[in-house]
Amino acid sequence: MPYRMDKVNEELHKILSDIILTELNEKDASAYLYTVTSVKCSRDLQNATVFVSVLGDKEKSSHGFLILCRHLKKIQSLFSERIHLKYTPRLYLKLDETAAYAERIGRLIDQVCRHEHEEK
């Protein structure tokens, strides 16, 4: 990926993280801990996919993500006030389940290690 796109994605990441963590103080959204894990902006700067993880089990994570999606219009509005590009990218949210997947793999590895230790 060209250096410019890396810088754009990094800047979008900073702005969106700040908006979600500090300015999205709606009662229903503040009950969850959100982390913007990455942002991928299209080459034409028209669209940006925002990968978000939500702390909690699968059900809580999904519910928190749905609440965040309901506030997308507000996030987009705050974002457009802060970004300084020729075009303001349209935001698309995507739930990042990488942390949950890594936790599951870790538990499976622990189970295998315990099983092997019990056999010895």
PDB file of N, CA and C in Angstrom:
ATOM      1  N   MET A   1       0.845  -1.170   0.000  1.00  0.00           N
ATOM      2  CA  MET A   1       0.000   0.000   0.000  1.00  0.00           C
ATOM      3  C   MET A   1       0.894   1.239   0.000  1.00  0.00           C
ATOM      4  N   PRO A   2       0.588   2.207  -0.828  1.00  0.00           N
ATOM      5  CA  PRO A   2       1.410   3.410  -0.875  1.00  0.00           C
ATOM      6  C   PRO A   2       1.472   4.117   0.478  1.00  0.00           C
ATOM      7  N   TYR A   3       2.559   4.820   0.676  1.00  0.00           N
ATOM      8  CA  TYR A   3       2.806   5.536   1.926  1.00  0.00           C
ATOM      9  C   TYR A   3       1.670   6.511   2.244  1.00  0.00           C
ATOM     10  N   ARG A   4       1.160   7.200   1.232  1.00  0.00           N
ATOM     11  CA  ARG A   4       0.084   8.175   1.438  1.00  0.00           C
ATOM     12  C   ARG A   4      -1.158   7.505   2.022  1.00  0.00           C
ATOM     13  N   MET A   5      -1.533   6.353   1.512  1.00  0.00           N
ATOM     14  CA  MET A   5      -2.711   5.658   2.018  1.00  0.00           C
ATOM     15  C   MET A   5      -2.508   5.193   3.457  1.00  0.00           C
ATOM     16  N   ASP A   6      -1.288   4.789   3.788  1.00  0.00           N
ATOM     17  CA  ASP A   6      -0.991   4.424   5.176  1.00  0.00           C
ATOM     18  C   ASP A   6      -1.234   5.610   6.098  1.00  0.00           C
ATOM     19  N   LYS A   7      -0.773   6.770   5.678  1.00  0.00           N
ATOM     20  CA  LYS A   7      -0.942   7.985   6.477  1.00  0.00           C
ATOM     21  C   LYS A   7      -2.407   8.375   6.588  1.00  0.00           C
ATOM     22  N   VAL A   8      -3.154   8.258   5.495  1.00  0.00           N
ATOM     23  CA  VAL A   8      -4.586   8.579   5.516  1.00  0.00           C
ATOM     24  C   VAL A   8      -5.304   7.626   6.466  1.00  0.00           C
ATOM     25  N   ASN A   9      -5.052   6.334   6.337  1.00  0.00           N
ATOM     26  CA  ASN A   9      -5.693   5.356   7.215  1.00  0.00           C
ATOM     27  C   ASN A   9      -5.346   5.596   8.682  1.00  0.00           C
ATOM     28  N   GLU A  10      -4.113   5.949   8.940  1.00  0.00           N
ATOM     29  CA  GLU A  10      -3.673   6.241  10.306  1.00  0.00           C
ATOM     30  C   GLU A  10      -4.408   7.453  10.871  1.00  0.00           C
ATOM     31  N   GLU A  11      -4.545   8.491  10.069  1.00  0.00           N
ATOM     32  CA  GLU A  11      -5.240   9.700  10.519  1.00  0.00           C
ATOM     33  C   GLU A  11      -6.727   9.426  10.751  1.00  0.00           C
ATOM     34  N   LEU A  12      -7.347   8.690   9.840  1.00  0.00           N
ATOM     35  CA  LEU A  12      -8.753   8.325  10.013  1.00  0.00           C
ATOM     36  C   LEU A  12      -8.934   7.495  11.286  1.00  0.00           C
ATOM     37  N   HIS A  13      -8.009   6.593  11.536  1.00  0.00           N
ATOM     38  CA  HIS A  13      -8.045   5.753  12.732  1.00  0.00           C
ATOM     39  C   HIS A  13      -8.030   6.618  13.997  1.00  0.00           C
ATOM     40  N   LYS A  14      -7.125   7.589  14.051  1.00  0.00           N
ATOM     41  CA  LYS A  14      -7.019   8.473  15.216  1.00  0.00           C
ATOM     42  C   LYS A  14      -8.312   9.253  15.434  1.00  0.00           C
ATOM     43  N   ILE A  15      -8.826   9.839  14.377  1.00  0.00           N
ATOM     44  CA  ILE A  15     -10.033  10.659  14.484  1.00  0.00           C
ATOM     45  C   ILE A  15     -11.225   9.815  14.925  1.00  0.00           C
ATOM     46  N   LEU A  16     -11.419   8.673  14.291  1.00  0.00           N
ATOM     47  CA  LEU A  16     -12.569   7.825  14.616  1.00  0.00           C
ATOM     48  C   LEU A  16     -12.456   7.237  16.024  1.00  0.00           C
ATOM     49  N   SER A  17     -11.261   6.852  16.430  1.00  0.00           N
ATOM     50  CA  SER A  17     -11.070   6.347  17.793  1.00  0.00           C
ATOM     51  C   SER A  17     -11.467   7.408  18.806  1.00  0.00           C
ATOM     52  N   ASP A  18     -11.022   8.626  18.574  1.00  0.00           N
ATOM     53  CA  ASP A  18     -11.343   9.720  19.479  1.00  0.00           C
ATOM     54  C   ASP A  18     -12.842   9.984  19.528  1.00  0.00           C
ATOM     55  N   ILE A  19     -13.486   9.992  18.382  1.00  0.00           N
ATOM     56  CA  ILE A  19     -14.933  10.236  18.331  1.00  0.00           C
ATOM     57  C   ILE A  19     -15.690   9.154  19.095  1.00  0.00           C
ATOM     58  N   ILE A  20     -15.368   7.902  18.825  1.00  0.00           N
ATOM     59  CA  ILE A  20     -16.100   6.797  19.450  1.00  0.00           C
ATOM     60  C   ILE A  20     -15.828   6.732  20.944  1.00  0.00           C
ATOM     61  N   LEU A  21     -14.592   6.980  21.356  1.00  0.00           N
ATOM     62  CA  LEU A  21     -14.251   6.858  22.767  1.00  0.00           C
ATOM     63  C   LEU A  21     -14.647   8.060  23.613  1.00  0.00           C
ATOM     64  N   THR A  22     -14.647   9.258  23.035  1.00  0.00           N
ATOM     65  CA  THR A  22     -14.883  10.445  23.855  1.00  0.00           C
ATOM     66  C   THR A  22     -16.167  11.193  23.549  1.00  0.00           C
ATOM     67  N   GLU A  23     -16.593  11.197  22.303  1.00  0.00           N
ATOM     68  CA  GLU A  23     -17.737  12.024  21.952  1.00  0.00           C
ATOM     69  C   GLU A  23     -19.036  11.261  21.780  1.00  0.00           C
ATOM     70  N   LEU A  24     -18.958   9.969  21.725  1.00  0.00           N
ATOM     71  CA  LEU A  24     -20.164   9.166  21.583  1.00  0.00           C
ATOM     72  C   LEU A  24     -20.648   8.813  22.987  1.00  0.00           C
ATOM     73  N   ASN A  25     -21.199   9.797  23.665  1.00  0.00           N
ATOM     74  CA  ASN A  25     -21.604   9.603  25.054  1.00  0.00           C
ATOM     75  C   ASN A  25     -23.102   9.359  25.185  1.00  0.00           C
ATOM     76  N   GLU A  26     -23.652   8.634  24.224  1.00  0.00           N
ATOM     77  CA  GLU A  26     -25.045   8.219  24.323  1.00  0.00           C
ATOM     78  C   GLU A  26     -25.134   7.156  25.412  1.00  0.00           C
ATOM     79  N   LYS A  27     -26.228   7.165  26.156  1.00  0.00           N
ATOM     80  CA  LYS A  27     -26.368   6.250  27.294  1.00  0.00           C
ATOM     81  C   LYS A  27     -26.222   4.786  26.887  1.00  0.00           C
ATOM     82  N   ASP A  28     -26.864   4.395  25.807  1.00  0.00           N
ATOM     83  CA  ASP A  28     -26.810   2.988  25.408  1.00  0.00           C
ATOM     84  C   ASP A  28     -25.435   2.584  24.880  1.00  0.00           C
ATOM     85  N   ALA A  29     -24.725   3.499  24.248  1.00  0.00           N
ATOM     86  CA  ALA A  29     -23.408   3.174  23.695  1.00  0.00           C
ATOM     87  C   ALA A  29     -22.314   3.214  24.756  1.00  0.00           C
ATOM     88  N   SER A  30     -22.502   4.007  25.788  1.00  0.00           N
ATOM     89  CA  SER A  30     -21.458   4.143  26.805  1.00  0.00           C
ATOM     90  C   SER A  30     -21.339   2.908  27.702  1.00  0.00           C
ATOM     91  N   ALA A  31     -22.258   1.971  27.584  1.00  0.00           N
ATOM     92  CA  ALA A  31     -22.200   0.741  28.379  1.00  0.00           C
ATOM     93  C   ALA A  31     -21.199  -0.260  27.807  1.00  0.00           C
ATOM     94  N   TYR A  32     -20.626   0.035  26.656  1.00  0.00           N
ATOM     95  CA  TYR A  32     -19.712  -0.893  25.982  1.00  0.00           C
ATOM     96  C   TYR A  32     -18.345  -0.253  25.815  1.00  0.00           C
ATOM     97  N   LEU A  33     -17.334  -1.110  25.726  1.00  0.00           N
ATOM     98  CA  LEU A  33     -15.975  -0.640  25.467  1.00  0.00           C
ATOM     99  C   LEU A  33     -15.632  -0.960  24.019  1.00  0.00           C
ATOM    100  N   TYR A  34     -15.489   0.093  23.221  1.00  0.00           N
ATOM    101  CA  TYR A  34     -15.204  -0.047  21.797  1.00  0.00           C
ATOM    102  C   TYR A  34     -13.734   0.240  21.535  1.00  0.00           C
ATOM    103  N   THR A  35     -13.170  -0.489  20.573  1.00  0.00           N
ATOM    104  CA  THR A  35     -11.818  -0.229  20.114  1.00  0.00           C
ATOM    105  C   THR A  35     -11.819  -0.250  18.594  1.00  0.00           C
ATOM    106  N   VAL A  36     -11.337   0.839  18.008  1.00  0.00           N
ATOM    107  CA  VAL A  36     -11.174   0.868  16.556  1.00  0.00           C
ATOM    108  C   VAL A  36      -9.860   0.161  16.278  1.00  0.00           C
ATOM    109  N   THR A  37      -9.942  -1.021  15.660  1.00  0.00           N
ATOM    110  CA  THR A  37      -8.740  -1.814  15.442  1.00  0.00           C
ATOM    111  C   THR A  37      -7.996  -1.400  14.176  1.00  0.00           C
ATOM    112  N   SER A  38      -8.730  -1.002  13.148  1.00  0.00           N
ATOM    113  CA  SER A  38      -8.082  -0.504  11.927  1.00  0.00           C
ATOM    114  C   SER A  38      -9.104   0.196  11.045  1.00  0.00           C
ATOM    115  N   VAL A  39      -8.583   0.944  10.094  1.00  0.00           N
ATOM    116  CA  VAL A  39      -9.411   1.644   9.105  1.00  0.00           C
ATOM    117  C   VAL A  39      -8.782   1.414   7.745  1.00  0.00           C
ATOM    118  N   LYS A  40      -9.598   1.043   6.790  1.00  0.00           N
ATOM    119  CA  LYS A  40      -9.134   0.837   5.415  1.00  0.00           C
ATOM    120  C   LYS A  40      -9.933   1.760   4.505  1.00  0.00           C
ATOM    121  N   CYS A  41      -9.262   2.763   3.985  1.00  0.00           N
ATOM    122  CA  CYS A  41      -9.906   3.723   3.095  1.00  0.00           C
ATOM    123  C   CYS A  41      -9.676   3.289   1.647  1.00  0.00           C
ATOM    124  N   SER A  42     -10.701   3.486   0.821  1.00  0.00           N
ATOM    125  CA  SER A  42     -10.547   3.139  -0.597  1.00  0.00           C
ATOM    126  C   SER A  42      -9.549   4.093  -1.241  1.00  0.00           C
ATOM    127  N   ARG A  43      -8.969   3.675  -2.349  1.00  0.00           N
ATOM    128  CA  ARG A  43      -7.939   4.486  -3.019  1.00  0.00           C
ATOM    129  C   ARG A  43      -8.474   5.830  -3.486  1.00  0.00           C
ATOM    130  N   ASP A  44      -9.775   5.876  -3.827  1.00  0.00           N
ATOM    131  CA  ASP A  44     -10.350   7.139  -4.281  1.00  0.00           C
ATOM    132  C   ASP A  44     -10.849   8.000  -3.113  1.00  0.00           C
ATOM    133  N   LEU A  45     -10.637   7.543  -1.881  1.00  0.00           N
ATOM    134  CA  LEU A  45     -11.003   8.255  -0.648  1.00  0.00           C
ATOM    135  C   LEU A  45     -12.508   8.484  -0.504  1.00  0.00           C
ATOM    136  N   GLN A  46     -13.312   7.703  -1.199  1.00  0.00           N
ATOM    137  CA  GLN A  46     -14.766   7.863  -1.135  1.00  0.00           C
ATOM    138  C   GLN A  46     -15.394   7.027  -0.012  1.00  0.00           C
ATOM    139  N   ASN A  47     -14.774   5.919   0.346  1.00  0.00           N
ATOM    140  CA  ASN A  47     -15.324   4.995   1.335  1.00  0.00           C
ATOM    141  C   ASN A  47     -14.231   4.571   2.308  1.00  0.00           C
ATOM    142  N   ALA A  48     -14.641   4.327   3.542  1.00  0.00           N
ATOM    143  CA  ALA A  48     -13.706   3.829   4.546  1.00  0.00           C
ATOM    144  C   ALA A  48     -14.403   2.767   5.381  1.00  0.00           C
ATOM    145  N   THR A  49     -13.763   1.617   5.497  1.00  0.00           N
ATOM    146  CA  THR A  49     -14.276   0.547   6.348  1.00  0.00           C
ATOM    147  C   THR A  49     -13.577   0.668   7.690  1.00  0.00           C
ATOM    148  N   VAL A  50     -14.379   0.762   8.745  1.00  0.00           N
ATOM    149  CA  VAL A  50     -13.873   0.930  10.099  1.00  0.00           C
ATOM    150  C   VAL A  50     -14.086  -0.383  10.846  1.00  0.00           C
ATOM    151  N   PHE A  51     -13.001  -1.020  11.229  1.00  0.00           N
ATOM    152  CA  PHE A  51     -13.066  -2.280  11.954  1.00  0.00           C
ATOM    153  C   PHE A  51     -13.081  -1.973  13.453  1.00  0.00           C
ATOM    154  N   VAL A  52     -14.124  -2.445  14.122  1.00  0.00           N
ATOM    155  CA  VAL A  52     -14.328  -2.136  15.533  1.00  0.00           C
ATOM    156  C   VAL A  52     -14.476  -3.430  16.317  1.00  0.00           C
ATOM    157  N   SER A  53     -13.800  -3.505  17.459  1.00  0.00           N
ATOM    158  CA  SER A  53     -14.031  -4.637  18.351  1.00  0.00           C
ATOM    159  C   SER A  53     -14.776  -4.113  19.572  1.00  0.00           C
ATOM    160  N   VAL A  54     -15.613  -4.987  20.127  1.00  0.00           N
ATOM    161  CA  VAL A  54     -16.406  -4.641  21.302  1.00  0.00           C
ATOM    162  C   VAL A  54     -16.079  -5.667  22.372  1.00  0.00           C
ATOM    163  N   LEU A  55     -15.689  -5.179  23.542  1.00  0.00           N
ATOM    164  CA  LEU A  55     -15.303  -6.064  24.633  1.00  0.00           C
ATOM    165  C   LEU A  55     -16.512  -6.841  25.141  1.00  0.00           C
ATOM    166  N   GLY A  56     -16.340  -8.126  25.319  1.00  0.00           N
ATOM    167  CA  GLY A  56     -17.408  -8.969  25.864  1.00  0.00           C
ATOM    168  C   GLY A  56     -17.543 -10.261  25.092  1.00  0.00           C
ATOM    169  N   ASP A  57     -18.476 -11.088  25.547  1.00  0.00           N
ATOM    170  CA  ASP A  57     -18.722 -12.349  24.841  1.00  0.00           C
ATOM    171  C   ASP A  57     -19.404 -12.054  23.506  1.00  0.00           C
ATOM    172  N   LYS A  58     -19.649 -13.100  22.740  1.00  0.00           N
ATOM    173  CA  LYS A  58     -20.175 -12.919  21.384  1.00  0.00           C
ATOM    174  C   LYS A  58     -21.509 -12.177  21.375  1.00  0.00           C
ATOM    175  N   GLU A  59     -22.394 -12.514  22.297  1.00  0.00           N
ATOM    176  CA  GLU A  59     -23.708 -11.868  22.348  1.00  0.00           C
ATOM    177  C   GLU A  59     -23.592 -10.393  22.714  1.00  0.00           C
ATOM    178  N   LYS A  60     -22.808 -10.094  23.734  1.00  0.00           N
ATOM    179  CA  LYS A  60     -22.628  -8.706  24.163  1.00  0.00           C
ATOM    180  C   LYS A  60     -21.917  -7.899  23.077  1.00  0.00           C
ATOM    181  N   SER A  61     -20.935  -8.509  22.454  1.00  0.00           N
ATOM    182  CA  SER A  61     -20.194  -7.856  21.393  1.00  0.00           C
ATOM    183  C   SER A  61     -21.111  -7.509  20.214  1.00  0.00           C
ATOM    184  N   SER A  62     -21.943  -8.450  19.821  1.00  0.00           N
ATOM    185  CA  SER A  62     -22.874  -8.214  18.708  1.00  0.00           C
ATOM    186  C   SER A  62     -23.876  -7.124  19.046  1.00  0.00           C
ATOM    187  N   HIS A  63     -24.391  -7.149  20.273  1.00  0.00           N
ATOM    188  CA  HIS A  63     -25.359  -6.139  20.692  1.00  0.00           C
ATOM    189  C   HIS A  63     -24.708  -4.752  20.726  1.00  0.00           C
ATOM    190  N   GLY A  64     -23.515  -4.672  21.281  1.00  0.00           N
ATOM    191  CA  GLY A  64     -22.803  -3.396  21.328  1.00  0.00           C
ATOM    192  C   GLY A  64     -22.506  -2.859  19.935  1.00  0.00           C
ATOM    193  N   PHE A  65     -22.179  -3.762  19.018  1.00  0.00           N
ATOM    194  CA  PHE A  65     -21.910  -3.344  17.640  1.00  0.00           C
ATOM    195  C   PHE A  65     -23.173  -2.795  16.980  1.00  0.00           C
ATOM    196  N   LEU A  66     -24.320  -3.428  17.215  1.00  0.00           N
ATOM    197  CA  LEU A  66     -25.586  -2.934  16.659  1.00  0.00           C
ATOM    198  C   LEU A  66     -25.906  -1.538  17.181  1.00  0.00           C
ATOM    199  N   ILE A  67     -25.645  -1.307  18.455  1.00  0.00           N
ATOM    200  CA  ILE A  67     -25.867   0.021  19.028  1.00  0.00           C
ATOM    201  C   ILE A  67     -24.949   1.038  18.351  1.00  0.00           C
ATOM    202  N   LEU A  68     -23.698   0.663  18.152  1.00  0.00           N
ATOM    203  CA  LEU A  68     -22.758   1.559  17.481  1.00  0.00           C
ATOM    204  C   LEU A  68     -23.239   1.879  16.061  1.00  0.00           C
ATOM    205  N   CYS A  69     -23.742   0.872  15.368  1.00  0.00           N
ATOM    206  CA  CYS A  69     -24.262   1.079  14.008  1.00  0.00           C
ATOM    207  C   CYS A  69     -25.429   2.070  14.001  1.00  0.00           C
ATOM    208  N   ARG A  70     -26.251   2.040  15.042  1.00  0.00           N
ATOM    209  CA  ARG A  70     -27.361   2.989  15.127  1.00  0.00           C
ATOM    210  C   ARG A  70     -26.873   4.425  15.246  1.00  0.00           C
ATOM    211  N   HIS A  71     -25.663   4.606  15.735  1.00  0.00           N
ATOM    212  CA  HIS A  71     -25.099   5.946  15.911  1.00  0.00           C
ATOM    213  C   HIS A  71     -24.160   6.337  14.762  1.00  0.00           C
ATOM    214  N   LEU A  72     -24.186   5.577  13.698  1.00  0.00           N
ATOM    215  CA  LEU A  72     -23.281   5.829  12.571  1.00  0.00           C
ATOM    216  C   LEU A  72     -23.486   7.214  11.975  1.00  0.00           C
ATOM    217  N   LYS A  73     -24.711   7.666  11.891  1.00  0.00           N
ATOM    218  CA  LYS A  73     -24.989   8.985  11.319  1.00  0.00           C
ATOM    219  C   LYS A  73     -24.301  10.092  12.131  1.00  0.00           C
ATOM    220  N   LYS A  74     -24.378   9.984  13.451  1.00  0.00           N
ATOM    221  CA  LYS A  74     -23.719  10.960  14.323  1.00  0.00           C
ATOM    222  C   LYS A  74     -22.201  10.867  14.171  1.00  0.00           C
ATOM    223  N   ILE A  75     -21.684   9.643  14.119  1.00  0.00           N
ATOM    224  CA  ILE A  75     -20.240   9.450  13.950  1.00  0.00           C
ATOM    225  C   ILE A  75     -19.788  10.063  12.629  1.00  0.00           C
ATOM    226  N   GLN A  76     -20.552   9.808  11.562  1.00  0.00           N
ATOM    227  CA  GLN A  76     -20.217  10.357  10.246  1.00  0.00           C
ATOM    228  C   GLN A  76     -20.207  11.881  10.285  1.00  0.00           C
ATOM    229  N   SER A  77     -21.168  12.476  10.960  1.00  0.00           N
ATOM    230  CA  SER A  77     -21.256  13.931  11.066  1.00  0.00           C
ATOM    231  C   SER A  77     -20.059  14.518  11.816  1.00  0.00           C
ATOM    232  N   LEU A  78     -19.737  13.944  12.959  1.00  0.00           N
ATOM    233  CA  LEU A  78     -18.576  14.412  13.725  1.00  0.00           C
ATOM    234  C   LEU A  78     -17.285  14.209  12.940  1.00  0.00           C
ATOM    235  N   PHE A  79     -17.206  13.100  12.240  1.00  0.00           N
ATOM    236  CA  PHE A  79     -16.036  12.784  11.427  1.00  0.00           C
ATOM    237  C   PHE A  79     -15.851  13.815  10.311  1.00  0.00           C
ATOM    238  N   SER A  80     -16.939  14.165   9.644  1.00  0.00           N
ATOM    239  CA  SER A  80     -16.839  15.117   8.525  1.00  0.00           C
ATOM    240  C   SER A  80     -16.405  16.508   8.996  1.00  0.00           C
ATOM    241  N   GLU A  81     -16.678  16.846  10.257  1.00  0.00           N
ATOM    242  CA  GLU A  81     -16.229  18.131  10.807  1.00  0.00           C
ATOM    243  C   GLU A  81     -14.722  18.145  11.050  1.00  0.00           C
ATOM    244  N   ARG A  82     -14.143  16.988  11.274  1.00  0.00           N
ATOM    245  CA  ARG A  82     -12.723  16.914  11.651  1.00  0.00           C
ATOM    246  C   ARG A  82     -11.759  16.562  10.534  1.00  0.00           C
ATOM    247  N   ILE A  83     -12.254  15.892   9.521  1.00  0.00           N
ATOM    248  CA  ILE A  83     -11.347  15.407   8.476  1.00  0.00           C
ATOM    249  C   ILE A  83     -11.068  16.505   7.455  1.00  0.00           C
ATOM    250  N   HIS A  84      -9.846  16.552   6.993  1.00  0.00           N
ATOM    251  CA  HIS A  84      -9.449  17.581   6.026  1.00  0.00           C
ATOM    252  C   HIS A  84      -8.942  16.916   4.742  1.00  0.00           C
ATOM    253  N   LEU A  85      -9.881  16.397   3.995  1.00  0.00           N
ATOM    254  CA  LEU A  85      -9.597  15.796   2.701  1.00  0.00           C
ATOM    255  C   LEU A  85     -10.519  16.428   1.668  1.00  0.00           C
ATOM    256  N   LYS A  86     -10.188  16.245   0.415  1.00  0.00           N
ATOM    257  CA  LYS A  86     -11.043  16.773  -0.650  1.00  0.00           C
ATOM    258  C   LYS A  86     -12.449  16.185  -0.537  1.00  0.00           C
ATOM    259  N   TYR A  87     -12.526  14.895  -0.269  1.00  0.00           N
ATOM    260  CA  TYR A  87     -13.801  14.216  -0.074  1.00  0.00           C
ATOM    261  C   TYR A  87     -13.835  13.656   1.342  1.00  0.00           C
ATOM    262  N   THR A  88     -15.000  13.645   1.906  1.00  0.00           N
ATOM    263  CA  THR A  88     -15.164  12.982   3.198  1.00  0.00           C
ATOM    264  C   THR A  88     -15.599  11.550   2.919  1.00  0.00           C
ATOM    265  N   PRO A  89     -14.777  10.585   3.309  1.00  0.00           N
ATOM    266  CA  PRO A  89     -15.143   9.193   3.042  1.00  0.00           C
ATOM    267  C   PRO A  89     -16.430   8.795   3.756  1.00  0.00           C
ATOM    268  N   ARG A  90     -17.226   7.996   3.092  1.00  0.00           N
ATOM    269  CA  ARG A  90     -18.414   7.440   3.711  1.00  0.00           C
ATOM    270  C   ARG A  90     -17.965   6.255   4.566  1.00  0.00           C
ATOM    271  N   LEU A  91     -18.416   6.239   5.806  1.00  0.00           N
ATOM    272  CA  LEU A  91     -17.969   5.230   6.761  1.00  0.00           C
ATOM    273  C   LEU A  91     -18.853   3.986   6.731  1.00  0.00           C
ATOM    274  N   TYR A  92     -18.202   2.844   6.818  1.00  0.00           N
ATOM    275  CA  TYR A  92     -18.868   1.556   6.935  1.00  0.00           C
ATOM    276  C   TYR A  92     -18.255   0.841   8.130  1.00  0.00           C
ATOM    277  N   LEU A  93     -19.087   0.427   9.057  1.00  0.00           N
ATOM    278  CA  LEU A  93     -18.591  -0.266  10.239  1.00  0.00           C
ATOM    279  C   LEU A  93     -18.578  -1.767  10.018  1.00  0.00           C
ATOM    280  N   LYS A  94     -17.549  -2.405  10.562  1.00  0.00           N
ATOM    281  CA  LYS A  94     -17.454  -3.860  10.483  1.00  0.00           C
ATOM    282  C   LYS A  94     -16.939  -4.361  11.826  1.00  0.00           C
ATOM    283  N   LEU A  95     -17.608  -5.370  12.360  1.00  0.00           N
ATOM    284  CA  LEU A  95     -17.206  -5.937  13.642  1.00  0.00           C
ATOM    285  C   LEU A  95     -15.939  -6.764  13.460  1.00  0.00           C
ATOM    286  N   ASP A  96     -14.926  -6.435  14.228  1.00  0.00           N
ATOM    287  CA  ASP A  96     -13.654  -7.165  14.189  1.00  0.00           C
ATOM    288  C   ASP A  96     -13.671  -8.198  15.310  1.00  0.00           C
ATOM    289  N   GLU A  97     -13.729  -9.446  14.940  1.00  0.00           N
ATOM    290  CA  GLU A  97     -13.795 -10.533  15.925  1.00  0.00           C
ATOM    291  C   GLU A  97     -12.452 -11.218  16.124  1.00  0.00           C
ATOM    292  N   THR A  98     -11.371 -10.574  15.740  1.00  0.00           N
ATOM    293  CA  THR A  98     -10.041 -11.154  15.840  1.00  0.00           C
ATOM    294  C   THR A  98      -9.669 -11.476  17.283  1.00  0.00           C
ATOM    295  N   ALA A  99      -9.975 -10.568  18.211  1.00  0.00           N
ATOM    296  CA  ALA A  99      -9.618 -10.792  19.620  1.00  0.00           C
ATOM    297  C   ALA A  99     -10.360 -12.006  20.180  1.00  0.00           C
ATOM    298  N   ALA A 100     -11.631 -12.131  19.865  1.00  0.00           N
ATOM    299  CA  ALA A 100     -12.414 -13.278  20.341  1.00  0.00           C
ATOM    300  C   ALA A 100     -11.878 -14.580  19.745  1.00  0.00           C
ATOM    301  N   TYR A 101     -11.505 -14.526  18.476  1.00  0.00           N
ATOM    302  CA  TYR A 101     -10.939 -15.701  17.808  1.00  0.00           C
ATOM    303  C   TYR A 101      -9.605 -16.096  18.456  1.00  0.00           C
ATOM    304  N   ALA A 102      -8.765 -15.115  18.734  1.00  0.00           N
ATOM    305  CA  ALA A 102      -7.472 -15.386  19.365  1.00  0.00           C
ATOM    306  C   ALA A 102      -7.669 -15.971  20.760  1.00  0.00           C
ATOM    307  N   GLU A 103      -8.652 -15.469  21.489  1.00  0.00           N
ATOM    308  CA  GLU A 103      -8.943 -15.997  22.821  1.00  0.00           C
ATOM    309  C   GLU A 103      -9.389 -17.454  22.736  1.00  0.00           C
ATOM    310  N   ARG A 104     -10.216 -17.759  21.755  1.00  0.00           N
ATOM    311  CA  ARG A 104     -10.692 -19.135  21.569  1.00  0.00           C
ATOM    312  C   ARG A 104      -9.523 -20.066  21.242  1.00  0.00           C
ATOM    313  N   ILE A 105      -8.642 -19.641  20.361  1.00  0.00           N
ATOM    314  CA  ILE A 105      -7.462 -20.443  20.008  1.00  0.00           C
ATOM    315  C   ILE A 105      -6.590 -20.657  21.243  1.00  0.00           C
ATOM    316  N   GLY A 106      -6.428 -19.615  22.052  1.00  0.00           N
ATOM    317  CA  GLY A 106      -5.641 -19.734  23.281  1.00  0.00           C
ATOM    318  C   GLY A 106      -6.221 -20.763  24.237  1.00  0.00           C
ATOM    319  N   ARG A 107      -7.552 -20.752  24.383  1.00  0.00           N
ATOM    320  CA  ARG A 107      -8.200 -21.736  25.246  1.00  0.00           C
ATOM    321  C   ARG A 107      -7.995 -23.153  24.722  1.00  0.00           C
ATOM    322  N   LEU A 108      -8.093 -23.326  23.393  1.00  0.00           N
ATOM    323  CA  LEU A 108      -7.882 -24.648  22.805  1.00  0.00           C
ATOM    324  C   LEU A 108      -6.454 -25.142  23.023  1.00  0.00           C
ATOM    325  N   ILE A 109      -5.499 -24.249  22.887  1.00  0.00           N
ATOM    326  CA  ILE A 109      -4.094 -24.612  23.118  1.00  0.00           C
ATOM    327  C   ILE A 109      -3.893 -25.015  24.578  1.00  0.00           C
ATOM    328  N   ASP A 110      -4.499 -24.243  25.499  1.00  0.00           N
ATOM    329  CA  ASP A 110      -4.398 -24.583  26.927  1.00  0.00           C
ATOM    330  C   ASP A 110      -4.984 -25.961  27.207  1.00  0.00           C
ATOM    331  N   GLN A 111      -6.124 -26.276  26.575  1.00  0.00           N
ATOM    332  CA  GLN A 111      -6.749 -27.582  26.770  1.00  0.00           C
ATOM    333  C   GLN A 111      -5.846 -28.707  26.288  1.00  0.00           C
ATOM    334  N   VAL A 112      -5.228 -28.520  25.138  1.00  0.00           N
ATOM    335  CA  VAL A 112      -4.327 -29.536  24.590  1.00  0.00           C
ATOM    336  C   VAL A 112      -3.122 -29.710  25.507  1.00  0.00           C
ATOM    337  N   CYS A 113      -2.564 -28.613  25.984  1.00  0.00           N
ATOM    338  CA  CYS A 113      -1.402 -28.690  26.872  1.00  0.00           C
ATOM    339  C   CYS A 113      -1.758 -29.396  28.177  1.00  0.00           C
ATOM    340  N   ARG A 114      -2.928 -29.073  28.748  1.00  0.00           N
ATOM    341  CA  ARG A 114      -3.356 -29.736  29.982  1.00  0.00           C
ATOM    342  C   ARG A 114      -3.578 -31.225  29.747  1.00  0.00           C
ATOM    343  N   HIS A 115      -4.185 -31.563  28.614  1.00  0.00           N
ATOM    344  CA  HIS A 115      -4.448 -32.967  28.287  1.00  0.00           C
ATOM    345  C   HIS A 115      -3.131 -33.746  28.152  1.00  0.00           C
ATOM    346  N   GLU A 116      -2.143 -33.157  27.471  1.00  0.00           N
ATOM    347  CA  GLU A 116      -0.845 -33.828  27.301  1.00  0.00           C
ATOM    348  C   GLU A 116      -0.137 -33.958  28.641  1.00  0.00           C
ATOM    349  N   HIS A 117      -0.266 -32.939  29.495  1.00  0.00           N
ATOM    350  CA  HIS A 117       0.372 -32.982  30.801  1.00  0.00           C
ATOM    351  C   HIS A 117      -0.253 -34.066  31.692  1.00  0.00           C
ATOM    352  N   GLU A 118      -1.570 -34.254  31.577  1.00  0.00           N
ATOM    353  CA  GLU A 118      -2.263 -35.279  32.369  1.00  0.00           C
ATOM    354  C   GLU A 118      -1.880 -36.678  31.912  1.00  0.00           C
ATOM    355  N   GLU A 119      -1.582 -36.861  30.623  1.00  0.00           N
ATOM    356  CA  GLU A 119      -1.212 -38.175  30.103  1.00  0.00           C
ATOM    357  C   GLU A 119       0.169 -38.611  30.559  1.00  0.00           C
ATOM    358  N   LYS A 120       1.047 -37.662  30.867  1.00  0.00           N
ATOM    359  CA  LYS A 120       2.427 -38.007  31.253  1.00  0.00           C
ATOM    360  C   LYS A 120       2.536 -38.446  32.664  1.00  0.00           C
TER     361      LYS A 120
END
